[in-house]
Protein backbone atom coordinates (compact mmCIF):
# COMPACT_ATOMS: atom_id res chain seq x y z
CA MET A 1 84.69 151.24 58.12
CA THR A 2 84.76 148.00 60.00
CA LYS A 3 87.95 146.63 61.48
CA LYS A 4 88.41 144.20 58.57
CA GLU A 5 88.03 146.98 56.03
CA SER A 6 90.53 149.27 57.71
CA SER A 7 93.22 150.60 55.42
CA GLN A 8 95.77 150.52 58.22
CA PRO A 9 97.86 147.35 58.60
CA SER A 10 97.04 145.33 61.68
CA GLN A 11 99.76 145.12 64.26
CA SER A 12 100.11 141.82 66.02
CA THR A 13 101.20 141.86 69.64
CA LYS A 14 102.76 138.41 69.30
CA LYS A 15 106.51 138.28 68.95
CA PRO A 16 107.64 136.06 66.08
CA LEU A 17 109.29 132.83 67.11
CA ASP A 18 113.07 133.18 67.18
CA ILE A 19 114.99 129.93 67.32
CA LYS A 20 117.70 131.67 69.38
CA ASP A 21 115.18 131.88 72.23
CA PHE A 22 115.66 128.12 72.65
CA SER A 23 119.47 128.16 72.78
CA THR A 24 119.51 127.44 76.52
CA TYR A 25 116.59 125.02 76.47
CA SER A 26 117.64 121.53 77.58
CA LEU A 27 116.00 118.41 76.27
CA PRO A 28 116.22 115.10 78.11
CA THR A 29 119.15 113.08 76.87
CA SER A 30 117.30 109.80 77.09
CA THR A 31 113.93 108.31 77.74
CA GLN A 32 114.30 105.41 80.07
CA GLU A 33 111.85 103.28 81.91
CA PRO A 34 112.12 103.41 85.70
CA ASN A 35 114.20 100.64 87.21
CA ALA A 36 112.55 100.51 90.65
CA LEU A 37 109.29 100.87 92.56
CA ALA A 38 109.04 101.37 96.31
CA PHE A 39 106.58 100.13 98.89
CA ASP A 40 106.95 101.57 102.40
CA GLY A 41 110.62 102.33 101.75
CA HIS A 42 111.40 98.89 100.28
CA GLU A 43 112.57 99.16 96.67
CA PHE A 44 112.02 96.53 93.99
CA ARG A 45 113.73 96.16 90.64
CA ILE A 46 111.46 96.46 87.60
CA ASN A 47 111.95 96.41 83.82
CA TYR A 48 115.37 95.68 82.27
CA ASP A 49 116.61 92.48 83.98
CA VAL A 50 113.23 91.65 85.53
CA PRO A 51 110.74 89.37 83.73
CA PRO A 52 107.81 91.37 82.29
CA HIS A 53 105.21 89.49 84.33
CA ILE A 54 107.03 90.44 87.56
CA THR A 55 107.24 94.09 86.52
CA LYS A 56 103.52 94.07 85.67
CA ALA A 57 102.64 92.48 89.00
CA LEU A 58 104.64 95.09 90.92
CA TYR A 59 103.05 97.93 88.92
CA GLU A 60 99.61 96.46 89.65
CA LEU A 61 100.32 96.49 93.38
CA PHE A 62 101.81 99.98 93.18
CA ASP A 63 98.79 101.33 91.29
CA ARG A 64 96.47 99.90 93.95
CA GLY A 65 98.41 101.66 96.70
CA ALA A 66 99.64 98.41 98.18
CA GLU A 67 101.95 98.28 101.17
CA TYR A 68 105.09 96.19 101.62
CA GLU A 69 103.10 93.54 103.50
CA ASP A 70 101.00 93.02 100.34
CA VAL A 71 104.04 92.03 98.26
CA SER A 72 104.24 88.24 97.89
CA GLU A 73 107.36 86.20 98.64
CA GLU A 74 107.77 85.53 94.91
CA LEU A 75 107.92 89.27 94.21
CA ARG A 76 110.15 89.97 97.21
CA LYS A 77 112.92 88.10 95.39
CA TYR A 78 113.26 91.30 93.35
CA GLU A 79 113.71 93.54 96.38
CA ILE A 80 116.81 95.68 96.05
CA ASP A 81 119.70 94.95 98.36
CA ASP A 82 121.40 98.24 99.32
CA ASN A 83 124.73 96.64 98.49
CA GLU A 84 123.96 96.18 94.80
CA ASP A 85 126.55 98.23 92.90
CA ASP A 86 124.32 99.14 89.94
CA ILE A 87 121.66 100.52 92.26
CA LYS A 88 124.20 102.59 94.19
CA ASP A 89 125.56 103.95 90.89
CA ASP A 90 122.05 104.85 89.77
CA ARG A 91 121.27 106.63 93.06
CA ASN A 92 124.54 108.58 92.82
CA ALA A 93 123.69 109.62 89.25
CA LYS A 94 120.25 110.83 90.37
CA LYS A 95 121.77 112.83 93.23
CA ALA A 96 124.28 114.39 90.84
CA PHE A 97 121.52 115.27 88.35
CA ASN A 98 119.36 116.86 91.04
CA ALA A 99 122.32 118.83 92.42
CA GLU A 100 123.27 120.03 88.93
CA THR A 101 119.68 121.09 88.23
CA ALA A 102 119.51 122.98 91.52
CA ALA A 103 122.84 124.70 90.79
CA LYS A 104 121.69 125.79 87.31
CA THR A 105 118.32 127.09 88.41
CA GLY A 106 119.28 128.34 91.83
CA LYS A 107 116.53 126.31 93.44
CA GLU A 108 115.38 122.78 94.04
CA SER A 109 113.67 121.32 91.01
CA SER A 110 110.11 120.11 91.40
CA GLY A 111 110.82 117.59 88.66
CA GLN A 112 113.61 115.81 90.45
CA ILE A 113 114.49 112.30 89.55
CA SER A 114 113.69 109.99 92.42
């Protein structure tokens, strides 16, 4: 007899999917666009309160591997001042997320928010 004609039931080595296996699986709570791009340590606001053509121009420079010196004066108007409260709040939230992830997994996450 061939394998297909065997009278014995085939036994699969795959474990059936059990929804309980996903009880500790975390999904992202939101999908947000980034709010900043950096060139040589200088951060620039993008998206949200920034006009789309400015965001596109900054992405274009970023994708080309541009340096801070390549950023025009017009685009430098969107450079982040370290004293901006919303930026500080965002950085603190990222630090808290990364610390929480490290505490849960016992190691630094390679997928850290930056």
